[in-house]
Protein backbone atom coordinates (compact mmCIF):
# COMPACT_ATOMS: atom_id res chain seq x y z
CA UNK A 1 12.67 -28.70 -11.56
CA UNK A 2 15.88 -28.46 -10.06
CA UNK A 3 15.43 -31.68 -7.66
CA UNK A 4 16.08 -30.89 -3.97
CA UNK A 5 19.47 -31.36 -2.62
CA UNK A 6 22.10 -30.86 0.45
CA UNK A 7 24.19 -28.17 0.21
CA UNK A 8 25.72 -28.62 3.19
CA UNK A 9 25.85 -30.54 6.49
CA UNK A 10 27.16 -31.19 10.00
CA UNK A 11 26.89 -29.81 13.45
CA UNK A 12 26.12 -26.94 14.90
CA UNK A 13 25.75 -25.26 18.41
CA UNK A 14 22.62 -23.24 18.20
CA UNK A 15 21.42 -20.78 21.21
CA UNK A 16 18.18 -21.74 23.43
CA UNK A 17 15.56 -19.00 22.48
CA UNK A 18 14.21 -19.11 26.04
CA UNK A 19 17.15 -21.00 28.24
CA UNK A 20 19.72 -19.14 26.31
CA UNK A 21 22.17 -22.51 26.50
CA UNK A 22 23.33 -24.12 23.82
CA UNK A 23 22.84 -27.17 22.26
CA UNK A 24 24.37 -29.61 19.75
CA UNK A 25 22.03 -29.79 16.91
CA UNK A 26 23.08 -31.56 13.52
CA UNK A 27 21.80 -29.19 10.52
CA UNK A 28 20.77 -30.00 6.58
CA UNK A 29 20.70 -26.93 4.24
CA UNK A 30 19.20 -27.56 1.27
CA UNK A 31 18.60 -26.28 -2.65
CA UNK A 32 15.45 -24.97 -1.77
CA UNK A 33 15.88 -23.23 1.13
CA UNK A 34 15.16 -25.96 4.00
CA UNK A 35 17.33 -25.51 6.83
CA UNK A 36 15.85 -28.39 9.41
CA UNK A 37 18.39 -29.13 13.00
CA UNK A 38 18.58 -32.87 14.39
CA UNK A 39 19.30 -34.09 18.32
CA UNK A 40 20.88 -36.57 15.92
CA UNK A 41 22.85 -37.02 12.81
CA UNK A 42 20.22 -39.03 11.35
CA UNK A 43 20.88 -42.39 9.35
CA UNK A 44 18.38 -42.98 6.93
CA UNK A 45 15.55 -41.23 5.24
CA UNK A 46 12.64 -41.82 7.75
CA UNK A 47 14.75 -39.87 10.19
CA UNK A 48 14.75 -36.49 8.55
CA UNK A 49 10.62 -37.03 8.77
CA UNK A 50 10.20 -34.80 12.30
CA UNK A 51 13.82 -32.11 12.73
CA UNK A 52 13.63 -30.01 15.87
CA UNK A 53 14.11 -27.13 14.00
CA UNK A 54 12.95 -26.31 10.52
CA UNK A 55 13.87 -22.94 9.07
CA UNK A 56 13.46 -21.22 5.24
CA UNK A 57 17.53 -19.47 3.99
CA UNK A 58 15.20 -17.29 1.93
CA UNK A 59 15.52 -13.89 1.63
CA UNK A 60 17.21 -14.54 5.26
CA UNK A 61 19.91 -12.23 6.74
CA UNK A 62 23.54 -13.77 8.20
CA UNK A 63 24.91 -11.34 10.78
CA UNK A 64 28.37 -12.37 12.65
CA UNK A 65 29.72 -11.90 15.63
CA UNK A 66 31.93 -12.59 18.64
CA UNK A 67 29.07 -12.52 21.60
CA UNK A 68 28.08 -14.36 23.32
CA UNK A 69 30.53 -16.97 21.48
CA UNK A 70 33.45 -16.48 20.01
CA UNK A 71 32.63 -17.86 15.92
CA UNK A 72 28.96 -17.20 16.93
CA UNK A 73 26.65 -15.99 13.32
CA UNK A 74 22.96 -15.28 13.44
CA UNK A 75 20.71 -15.76 10.58
CA UNK A 76 17.10 -13.98 10.10
CA UNK A 77 14.86 -16.18 8.32
CA UNK A 78 11.50 -17.95 8.00
CA UNK A 79 9.61 -20.19 10.51
CA UNK A 80 6.96 -21.53 8.03
CA UNK A 81 5.48 -18.08 7.74
CA UNK A 82 7.31 -16.23 11.39
CA UNK A 83 10.01 -14.14 11.07
CA UNK A 84 12.42 -15.09 13.92
CA UNK A 85 16.12 -15.10 14.75
CA UNK A 86 18.09 -17.91 15.82
CA UNK A 87 21.93 -17.87 17.00
CA UNK A 88 24.67 -20.86 16.13
CA UNK A 89 28.36 -20.67 17.31
CA UNK A 90 30.88 -23.29 15.53
CA UNK A 91 34.52 -23.51 16.90
CA UNK A 92 36.47 -21.96 14.00
CA UNK A 93 36.15 -19.00 11.78
CA UNK A 94 36.57 -20.62 8.73
CA UNK A 95 33.69 -23.21 9.82
CA UNK A 96 32.34 -20.39 10.53
CA UNK A 97 32.93 -18.69 7.13
CA UNK A 98 31.50 -22.11 4.89
CA UNK A 99 28.39 -21.97 7.11
CA UNK A 100 27.35 -18.88 5.91
CA UNK A 101 28.29 -18.55 2.44
CA UNK A 102 26.78 -21.66 1.91
CA UNK A 103 23.30 -19.96 3.10
CA UNK A 104 24.28 -16.71 1.44
CA UNK A 105 24.99 -18.51 -1.58
CA UNK A 106 21.07 -20.91 -0.83
CA UNK A 107 19.42 -17.38 -0.37
CA UNK A 108 21.11 -15.47 -3.74
CA UNK A 109 20.24 -18.38 -5.80
CA UNK A 110 16.28 -18.62 -4.52
CA UNK A 111 16.15 -15.33 -5.08
CA UNK A 112 17.29 -15.13 -8.40
CA UNK A 113 14.28 -17.73 -9.24
CA UNK A 114 12.34 -15.39 -8.02
CA UNK A 115 12.98 -12.19 -9.55
CA UNK A 116 13.48 -14.71 -13.30
CA UNK A 117 9.67 -16.00 -12.24
CA UNK A 118 8.72 -12.90 -11.73
CA UNK A 119 10.25 -11.34 -14.96
CA UNK A 120 8.73 -13.90 -16.46
CA UNK A 121 4.44 -13.27 -15.66
CA UNK A 122 5.07 -9.59 -16.46
CA UNK A 123 4.22 -10.38 -19.97
CA UNK A 124 5.73 -9.09 -22.95
CA UNK A 125 7.21 -6.08 -24.01
CA UNK A 126 5.17 -4.17 -25.79
CA UNK A 127 2.38 -4.68 -23.29
CA UNK A 128 4.09 -1.67 -21.11
CA UNK A 129 0.06 0.68 -20.66
CA UNK A 130 -0.46 -1.23 -17.56
CA UNK A 131 2.47 -1.29 -16.62
CA UNK A 132 3.03 2.39 -16.58
CA UNK A 133 -0.33 2.80 -14.61
CA UNK A 134 1.43 0.35 -12.15
CA UNK A 135 4.88 2.27 -11.75
CA UNK A 136 2.79 5.53 -10.71
CA UNK A 137 0.19 4.07 -8.62
CA UNK A 138 3.51 1.88 -6.71
CA UNK A 139 5.69 5.58 -6.62
CA UNK A 140 2.25 7.22 -5.29
CA UNK A 141 4.04 8.71 -2.01
CA UNK A 142 0.94 7.50 1.18
CA UNK A 143 0.82 9.72 3.68
CA UNK A 144 3.33 8.25 7.08
CA UNK A 145 1.58 8.57 10.90
CA UNK A 146 3.83 10.18 13.08
CA UNK A 147 3.50 10.87 16.80
CA UNK A 148 2.35 14.53 16.60
CA UNK A 149 -0.81 13.08 15.09
CA UNK A 150 -2.18 12.85 18.69
CA UNK A 151 -3.12 13.67 22.02
CA UNK A 152 -1.75 11.87 24.51
CA UNK A 153 -4.41 11.93 27.31
CA UNK A 154 -3.50 9.12 30.30
CA UNK A 155 -0.75 6.49 30.91
CA UNK A 156 -3.28 2.87 30.74
CA UNK A 157 0.18 0.72 31.54
CA UNK A 158 3.60 0.44 32.13
CA UNK A 159 6.31 -2.38 31.51
CA UNK A 160 10.27 -3.18 31.12
CA UNK A 161 9.84 -2.12 27.10
CA UNK A 162 7.50 0.74 27.32
CA UNK A 163 4.30 2.10 28.66
CA UNK A 164 0.78 2.37 26.80
CA UNK A 165 -0.87 5.51 26.83
CA UNK A 166 -4.40 6.71 25.93
CA UNK A 167 -3.92 8.76 22.76
CA UNK A 168 -6.83 10.54 20.30
CA UNK A 169 -6.71 11.35 16.90
CA UNK A 170 -6.31 14.77 16.18
CA UNK A 171 -7.62 14.65 12.50
CA UNK A 172 -10.36 11.88 13.54
CA UNK A 173 -11.42 12.74 17.51
CA UNK A 174 -10.98 8.69 17.38
CA UNK A 175 -9.05 6.83 20.64
CA UNK A 176 -6.79 4.82 21.10
CA UNK A 177 -4.17 2.90 22.86
CA UNK A 178 -0.35 3.97 22.19
CA UNK A 179 1.99 0.88 22.86
CA UNK A 180 4.94 2.44 22.46
CA UNK A 181 8.32 0.73 22.88
CA UNK A 182 12.00 1.36 22.90
CA UNK A 183 13.94 0.02 20.07
CA UNK A 184 17.39 -0.02 22.35
CA UNK A 185 15.14 -2.47 25.06
CA UNK A 186 14.24 -4.73 22.25
CA UNK A 187 17.19 -5.10 20.47
CA UNK A 188 19.07 -5.95 24.26
CA UNK A 189 16.08 -7.98 25.29
CA UNK A 190 16.85 -9.97 22.42
CA UNK A 191 12.91 -9.70 20.94
CA UNK A 192 12.96 -8.43 17.41
CA UNK A 193 11.35 -11.36 16.27
CA UNK A 194 9.30 -11.13 18.61
CA UNK A 195 8.41 -7.72 18.21
CA UNK A 196 8.08 -8.40 14.39
CA UNK A 197 5.64 -10.83 15.00
CA UNK A 198 3.11 -9.48 16.97
CA UNK A 199 3.17 -6.12 14.19
CA UNK A 200 2.51 -9.40 11.88
CA UNK A 201 -0.44 -11.02 13.59
CA UNK A 202 -2.12 -7.86 14.12
CA UNK A 203 -1.87 -6.66 10.49
CA UNK A 204 -3.65 -9.79 9.70
CA UNK A 205 -5.68 -10.58 12.28
CA UNK A 206 -9.58 -9.60 11.94
CA UNK A 207 -12.02 -11.20 15.12
CA UNK A 208 -14.92 -9.84 17.04
CA UNK A 209 -12.63 -10.74 20.26
CA UNK A 210 -9.21 -9.69 18.78
CA UNK A 211 -8.34 -5.76 19.49
CA UNK A 212 -7.23 -4.43 16.13
CA UNK A 213 -4.30 -2.89 14.45
CA UNK A 214 -4.79 0.15 13.47
CA UNK A 215 -1.52 1.96 12.60
CA UNK A 216 1.50 1.04 13.27
CA UNK A 217 5.36 3.26 12.35
CA UNK A 218 8.27 3.57 14.35
CA UNK A 219 10.67 7.08 14.94
CA UNK A 220 15.12 6.88 15.68
CA UNK A 221 14.60 5.23 19.03
CA UNK A 222 10.64 4.18 18.95
CA UNK A 223 8.08 1.74 17.97
CA UNK A 224 4.25 2.66 17.68
CA UNK A 225 1.82 0.36 17.95
CA UNK A 226 -2.16 2.43 17.45
CA UNK A 227 -4.56 -0.29 19.02
CA UNK A 228 -8.48 -0.08 19.16
CA UNK A 229 -8.98 0.88 21.98
CA UNK A 230 -11.72 -0.82 25.34
CA UNK A 231 -11.79 1.27 28.32
CA UNK A 232 -14.03 -2.10 29.76
CA UNK A 233 -10.60 -3.09 31.89
CA UNK A 234 -10.13 -5.99 30.14
CA UNK A 235 8.00 -22.01 24.93
CA UNK A 236 11.02 -23.56 26.99
CA UNK A 237 12.19 -27.18 24.98
CA UNK A 238 14.26 -26.15 21.56
CA UNK A 239 12.11 -27.84 19.59
CA UNK A 240 10.50 -25.04 17.41
CA UNK A 241 6.30 -24.90 18.46
CA UNK A 242 3.38 -25.48 16.80
CA UNK A 243 -0.29 -23.94 17.60
CA UNK A 244 -0.56 -26.17 20.44
CA UNK A 245 1.63 -23.92 22.76
CA UNK A 246 -1.36 -21.28 22.78
CA UNK A 247 -3.72 -24.02 24.11
CA UNK A 248 -0.68 -24.05 27.16
CA UNK A 249 -0.52 -20.83 27.70
CA UNK A 250 -4.53 -20.46 27.48
CA UNK A 251 -4.35 -23.41 30.47
CA UNK A 252 -1.97 -20.66 32.59
CA UNK A 253 -4.38 -17.98 31.99
CA UNK A 254 -7.85 -19.77 32.90
CA UNK A 255 -5.72 -21.57 35.91
CA UNK A 256 -4.84 -18.17 37.13
CA UNK A 257 -8.19 -17.10 37.09
CA UNK A 258 -9.66 -19.90 38.95
CA UNK A 259 -7.44 -20.65 41.17
CA UNK A 260 -6.26 -16.67 41.91
CA UNK A 261 -1.99 -17.94 41.50
CA UNK A 262 0.03 -19.44 38.52
CA UNK A 263 -0.02 -22.65 38.43
CA UNK A 264 4.14 -22.58 38.44
CA UNK A 265 5.59 -19.83 40.39
CA UNK A 266 9.60 -19.56 40.84
CA UNK A 267 11.48 -15.81 41.36
CA UNK A 268 14.19 -17.78 39.84
CA UNK A 269 13.85 -17.99 36.89
CA UNK A 270 15.72 -21.47 36.17
CA UNK A 271 13.44 -23.15 38.55
CA UNK A 272 10.67 -21.51 37.15
CA UNK A 273 11.79 -23.23 33.29
CA UNK A 274 12.25 -26.78 35.42
CA UNK A 275 8.61 -26.91 37.31
CA UNK A 276 7.48 -25.92 34.03
CA UNK A 277 8.71 -28.75 32.38
CA UNK A 278 8.93 -31.24 35.01
CA UNK A 279 7.10 -30.43 38.29
CA UNK A 280 3.08 -32.32 37.70
CA UNK A 281 -0.01 -29.82 38.05
CA UNK A 282 -1.90 -29.61 41.12
CA UNK A 283 -5.54 -27.87 41.99
CA UNK A 284 -7.48 -27.10 44.90
CA UNK A 285 -9.90 -29.00 46.42
CA UNK A 286 -13.10 -26.40 45.75
CA UNK A 287 -12.68 -26.65 41.89
CA UNK A 288 -14.86 -28.48 39.83
CA UNK A 289 -13.57 -32.22 37.90
CA UNK A 290 -14.97 -30.29 35.01
CA UNK A 291 -12.50 -27.24 35.55
CA UNK A 292 -9.36 -29.71 36.81
CA UNK A 293 -10.21 -32.14 33.66
CA UNK A 294 -9.45 -28.89 31.44
CA UNK A 295 -7.07 -27.37 32.96
CA UNK A 296 -5.03 -30.94 33.11
CA UNK A 297 -5.48 -30.92 29.12
CA UNK A 298 -4.64 -27.89 28.71
CA UNK A 299 -1.23 -27.59 31.26
CA UNK A 300 -0.12 -31.41 29.38
CA UNK A 301 3.54 -31.32 28.86
CA UNK A 302 3.89 -33.27 26.11
CA UNK A 303 1.99 -31.09 22.92
CA UNK A 304 0.44 -33.65 21.40
CA UNK A 305 -1.63 -34.95 23.66
CA UNK A 306 -2.47 -31.06 24.87
CA UNK A 307 -6.66 -30.96 24.98
CA UNK A 308 -6.46 -28.07 21.34
CA UNK A 309 -3.37 -30.18 20.00
CA UNK A 310 -4.63 -32.39 17.67
CA UNK A 311 -6.25 -31.83 13.94
CA UNK A 312 -9.34 -30.16 15.99
CA UNK A 313 -7.62 -27.86 16.95
CA UNK A 314 -9.56 -25.42 19.37
CA UNK A 315 -12.93 -26.94 18.41
CA UNK A 316 -11.88 -30.07 21.11
CA UNK A 317 -11.17 -27.56 23.31
CA UNK A 318 -15.31 -25.99 22.83
CA UNK A 319 -16.58 -29.83 22.87
CA UNK A 320 -15.61 -29.69 26.51
CA UNK A 321 -17.92 -30.38 29.29
CA UNK A 322 -16.93 -27.68 31.47
CA UNK A 323 -18.26 -25.02 28.38
CA UNK A 324 -21.51 -27.33 28.05
CA UNK A 325 -24.43 -25.24 27.73
CA UNK A 326 -22.36 -22.93 25.81
CA UNK A 327 -23.13 -22.14 22.25
CA UNK A 328 -20.38 -20.84 20.22
CA UNK A 329 -21.90 -19.45 17.30
CA UNK A 330 -23.64 -16.28 20.24
CA UNK A 331 -20.48 -15.89 21.57
CA UNK A 332 -19.26 -14.92 18.43
CA UNK A 333 -21.86 -12.80 17.18
CA UNK A 334 -21.41 -10.74 20.74
CA UNK A 335 -25.31 -12.75 21.61
CA UNK A 336 -24.66 -13.65 25.00
CA UNK A 337 -25.01 -11.69 27.97
CA UNK A 338 -21.67 -11.33 30.05
CA UNK A 339 -22.19 -11.79 33.49
CA UNK A 340 -20.27 -8.22 34.48
CA UNK A 341 -21.18 -5.41 31.91
CA UNK A 342 -18.11 -2.67 32.54
CA UNK A 343 -19.84 0.53 34.12
CA UNK A 344 -17.72 3.40 32.11
CA UNK A 345 -19.53 7.17 31.57
CA UNK A 346 -17.19 8.14 28.23
CA UNK A 347 -14.82 7.16 26.68
CA UNK A 348 -12.03 8.99 28.50
CA UNK A 349 -13.34 7.36 31.75
CA UNK A 350 -9.74 4.93 32.80
CA UNK A 351 -12.18 3.44 36.10
CA UNK A 352 -11.17 0.29 35.01
CA UNK A 353 -7.07 0.48 34.81
CA UNK A 354 -5.10 0.21 37.35
CA UNK A 355 -4.25 4.02 39.34
CA UNK A 356 -0.82 2.85 39.89
CA UNK A 357 -0.33 4.22 36.61
CA UNK A 358 -3.70 6.65 35.16
CA UNK A 359 -2.48 8.97 38.00
CA UNK A 360 1.00 9.51 36.29
CA UNK A 361 1.68 12.57 34.03
CA UNK A 362 2.43 11.28 31.07
CA UNK A 363 6.50 11.52 29.93
CA UNK A 364 7.19 11.33 26.58
CA UNK A 365 10.63 12.56 24.81
CA UNK A 366 9.96 14.69 21.89
CA UNK A 367 11.84 13.71 19.18
CA UNK A 368 14.60 15.91 17.40
CA UNK A 369 14.12 18.93 15.73
CA UNK A 370 15.56 17.03 12.39
CA UNK A 371 14.30 13.56 13.23
CA UNK A 372 11.52 13.69 11.12
CA UNK A 373 9.14 10.99 12.20
CA UNK A 374 7.23 10.86 9.29
CA UNK A 375 10.75 9.83 6.25
CA UNK A 376 10.79 7.23 4.72
CA UNK A 377 15.00 6.39 6.09
CA UNK A 378 13.21 5.16 9.21
CA UNK A 379 12.01 2.53 7.41
CA UNK A 380 15.24 1.45 6.13
CA UNK A 381 16.96 1.59 9.64
CA UNK A 382 18.81 -1.97 11.21
CA UNK A 383 15.94 -4.82 13.40
CA UNK A 384 12.86 -3.08 12.07
CA UNK A 385 12.67 -3.27 7.87
CA UNK A 386 9.29 -1.62 6.84
CA UNK A 387 7.32 -2.23 10.56
CA UNK A 388 4.44 0.46 8.98
CA UNK A 389 1.16 0.08 8.45
CA UNK A 390 -1.44 2.23 8.54
CA UNK A 391 -5.10 -0.18 8.13
CA UNK A 392 -6.69 2.05 5.53
CA UNK A 393 -10.75 1.61 5.45
CA UNK A 394 -11.61 0.57 8.72
CA UNK A 395 -12.87 2.49 11.34
C-alpha cells in the first residue's frame, strides 16, 4: 500500500459557512484524499493531530468563480460521511490553478484506484452468468415518482425555501406531508449542501420518533420531500462541528419551551452571532434548579464541556437529574402516556396547524408540458444529482 504523503500545502482563505467572513487557514492536501486546515502552520507531527477543518477530496467536484472574490474556487466534497460545499480564494489565478489541479489529480488517482479494486473483486471472466443477471437487474427501469401522483389538499406551512402541503397519494389513498423547495432559492442562499445532507439523513433514519421519508424527487425547478404525516401538530465558529452541536440545538429548543423565549435574540444577525458566542445564559427565577442545570449543560459554549459532548453522548443527557423517574425504554416503546394527546377526528383534521397557512389556497404552478418530471435528466441536473428516493417496502 502506498505511503500517505503531502501533495500540496499552503495558505488559503476559507469562507465561513454561517458568518460569511474570510479566514486564513493553512491547508495540507494528501495523496489519500485528506484535505485538512489549521489556524497556524503546523510545525511538527504532534500539532497535526487536531485540525480545524477535515475534508476528503475523493469524488469531489471543483468550480472556479470570480465571486464573491477574484480567484475563488468551490469544492463540493465529503466531511466524514456528509456532502458539503466549501469556498476558498487565493491571491492569483496561478495559485488557484495549482490548487485545483492538485486536488483534481488526487481525486482522479483515488477514482482510478477504486475502479481497479472493483475490477479485481469482480472475479474471473469465465464466471459471467451472474454478471449478466446483475446487469439485467441493475438496468431494470424503476418507477419514478412525480407530482402528478398526489392530490394536494391543504397548506400546512410556508417558509423562505418553499411550502409544506398535506397530500394524498392517488394509488394508495395514504396521506403524506410534501415539502416543496425552490431550487433557485436553495442555490442563491448557498444551502445546497445542507439540503443534500437532509435528504441523505432522512433516507437512512429509522426511529419511532423521527418522521420517515417516503419519497424524494425533483422537477426542473423544485425539490420534493414526501414525508410521513403526523397531524397532532407537532454553528458559528469556523471549526467543523461534531455531534455536540445537536445537543446545543436541543438546549435552545428546551430553553424556549421552558422559558417562553429564545436564549439569545437580536434582529441583527451579526449581533446575534456575537451573543451566541460570547453572552452568558440567563434564566427566569421561577425555573427549577434541575432545569437550570440541564439547560446550562446543553448550552455550554465549548462543545467538549457540553452535556452530551463526551463519549457517552445521549446517555449523559438521559441520566441527568432533570429526567429522574423517566424509564427511557418505555419512552422508546411508546408505553409512556403523554400528558397531552391531540384530539383529531380524521387524517385530514389539521386543527393543530396554524390557520395562517391552512386557510390559504394551495397554489402550485403546473410544470411545462415538455418538462417530464419522471425523466432521468432531472437526476443529471447541476447541484442535485441522484436526489430521488423511494422507501420501497415501507408503509
